[in-house]
C-alpha atoms as a PDB file:
ATOM      1  CA  UNK A   1    -145.830 110.336  17.591  1.00  0.00           C
ATOM      2  CA  UNK A   2    -143.312 112.858  16.639  1.00  0.00           C
ATOM      3  CA  UNK A   3    -142.406 112.772  12.949  1.00  0.00           C
ATOM      4  CA  UNK A   4    -138.636 112.871  12.283  1.00  0.00           C
ATOM      5  CA  UNK A   5    -136.971 113.767   8.980  1.00  0.00           C
ATOM      6  CA  UNK A   6    -135.821 109.770   8.978  1.00  0.00           C
ATOM      7  CA  UNK A   7    -138.972 108.525   9.112  1.00  0.00           C
ATOM      8  CA  UNK A   8    -140.380 110.871   6.399  1.00  0.00           C
ATOM      9  CA  UNK A   9    -137.506 110.010   4.026  1.00  0.00           C
ATOM     10  CA  UNK A  10    -138.301 106.008   4.725  1.00  0.00           C
ATOM     11  CA  UNK A  11    -142.023 106.477   4.025  1.00  0.00           C
ATOM     12  CA  UNK A  12    -141.041 108.539   0.742  1.00  0.00           C
ATOM     13  CA  UNK A  13    -138.913 105.821  -0.579  1.00  0.00           C
ATOM     14  CA  UNK A  14    -141.169 102.893   0.482  1.00  0.00           C
ATOM     15  CA  UNK A  15    -144.497 104.592  -0.469  1.00  0.00           C
ATOM     16  CA  UNK A  16    -144.121 107.775  -2.771  1.00  0.00           C
ATOM     17  CA  UNK A  17    -147.723 107.365  -4.123  1.00  0.00           C
ATOM     18  CA  UNK A  18    -148.687 108.762  -0.459  1.00  0.00           C
ATOM     19  CA  UNK A  19    -146.520 111.860  -1.277  1.00  0.00           C
ATOM     20  CA  UNK A  20    -148.257 113.206  -4.307  1.00  0.00           C
ATOM     21  CA  UNK A  21    -149.219 116.744  -2.598  1.00  0.00           C
ATOM     22  CA  UNK A  22    -150.570 119.941  -3.580  1.00  0.00           C
ATOM     23  CA  UNK A  23    -147.969 122.772  -2.324  1.00  0.00           C
ATOM     24  CA  UNK A  24    -149.914 123.276   1.162  1.00  0.00           C
ATOM     25  CA  UNK A  25    -149.577 119.711   1.275  1.00  0.00           C
ATOM     26  CA  UNK A  26    -145.948 119.325   0.750  1.00  0.00           C
ATOM     27  CA  UNK A  27    -145.169 122.161   3.244  1.00  0.00           C
ATOM     28  CA  UNK A  28    -146.998 120.329   5.871  1.00  0.00           C
ATOM     29  CA  UNK A  29    -145.469 116.893   4.972  1.00  0.00           C
ATOM     30  CA  UNK A  30    -141.939 118.576   5.327  1.00  0.00           C
ATOM     31  CA  UNK A  31    -142.291 120.426   8.574  1.00  0.00           C
ATOM     32  CA  UNK A  32    -140.305 119.056  11.506  1.00  0.00           C
ATOM     33  CA  UNK A  33    -140.640 120.713  14.986  1.00  0.00           C
ATOM     34  CA  UNK A  34    -142.542 123.670  13.430  1.00  0.00           C
ATOM     35  CA  UNK A  35    -139.334 124.547  10.914  1.00  0.00           C
ATOM     36  CA  UNK A  36    -139.515 123.673   7.219  1.00  0.00           C
ATOM     37  CA  UNK A  37    -137.105 120.952   6.202  1.00  0.00           C
ATOM     38  CA  UNK A  38    -135.795 122.064   2.515  1.00  0.00           C
ATOM     39  CA  UNK A  39    -134.203 118.695   2.046  1.00  0.00           C
ATOM     40  CA  UNK A  40    -137.386 116.729   2.580  1.00  0.00           C
ATOM     41  CA  UNK A  41    -138.920 118.953  -0.260  1.00  0.00           C
ATOM     42  CA  UNK A  42    -136.162 117.962  -2.452  1.00  0.00           C
ATOM     43  CA  UNK A  43    -136.650 114.417  -1.676  1.00  0.00           C
ATOM     44  CA  UNK A  44    -139.971 114.585  -2.980  1.00  0.00           C
ATOM     45  CA  UNK A  45    -138.917 115.583  -6.108  1.00  0.00           C
ATOM     46  CA  UNK A  46    -136.424 112.828  -6.230  1.00  0.00           C
ATOM     47  CA  UNK A  47    -138.763 110.010  -5.115  1.00  0.00           C
ATOM     48  CA  UNK A  48    -142.354 111.040  -6.175  1.00  0.00           C
ATOM     49  CA  UNK A  49    -142.741 110.976 -10.048  1.00  0.00           C
ATOM     50  CA  UNK A  50    -144.849 114.064 -10.979  1.00  0.00           C
ATOM     51  CA  UNK A  51    -142.909 114.676 -14.110  1.00  0.00           C
ATOM     52  CA  UNK A  52    -140.528 117.346 -15.020  1.00  0.00           C
ATOM     53  CA  UNK A  53    -140.447 120.600 -16.710  1.00  0.00           C
ATOM     54  CA  UNK A  54    -137.282 122.150 -18.428  1.00  0.00           C
ATOM     55  CA  UNK A  55    -135.388 119.018 -17.006  1.00  0.00           C
ATOM     56  CA  UNK A  56    -136.000 119.861 -13.292  1.00  0.00           C
ATOM     57  CA  UNK A  57    -138.370 117.561 -11.536  1.00  0.00           C
ATOM     58  CA  UNK A  58    -141.608 118.668 -10.034  1.00  0.00           C
ATOM     59  CA  UNK A  59    -142.497 118.552  -6.529  1.00  0.00           C
ATOM     60  CA  UNK A  60    -145.973 119.456  -6.270  1.00  0.00           C
ATOM     61  CA  UNK A  61    -149.230 118.397  -8.227  1.00  0.00           C
ATOM     62  CA  UNK A  62    -150.598 122.086  -8.058  1.00  0.00           C
ATOM     63  CA  UNK A  63    -149.519 125.392  -6.979  1.00  0.00           C
ATOM     64  CA  UNK A  64    -145.806 126.672  -7.068  1.00  0.00           C
ATOM     65  CA  UNK A  65    -143.292 124.073  -7.879  1.00  0.00           C
ATOM     66  CA  UNK A  66    -139.473 123.616  -7.762  1.00  0.00           C
ATOM     67  CA  UNK A  67    -139.488 123.345 -11.617  1.00  0.00           C
ATOM     68  CA  UNK A  68    -140.218 126.995 -11.848  1.00  0.00           C
ATOM     69  CA  UNK A  69    -143.776 126.921 -13.034  1.00  0.00           C
ATOM     70  CA  UNK A  70    -147.154 127.087 -11.255  1.00  0.00           C
ATOM     71  CA  UNK A  71    -149.413 123.740 -11.357  1.00  0.00           C
END
């Protein structure tokens, strides 16, 4: 079954606990047809509560993060 952006967003909203990724996991989760969908990486920081750094929401549990830090 091919994954779609809409399917991933729905799963993010309904099951954010499934989306606590490290950097490689986030990248894999946000790939659609071989391309990284940046809007999905942003959605992870919105729906998955991984904390904040300097007022910016984190998108990964380890590795380079949207907040500018490396966890």
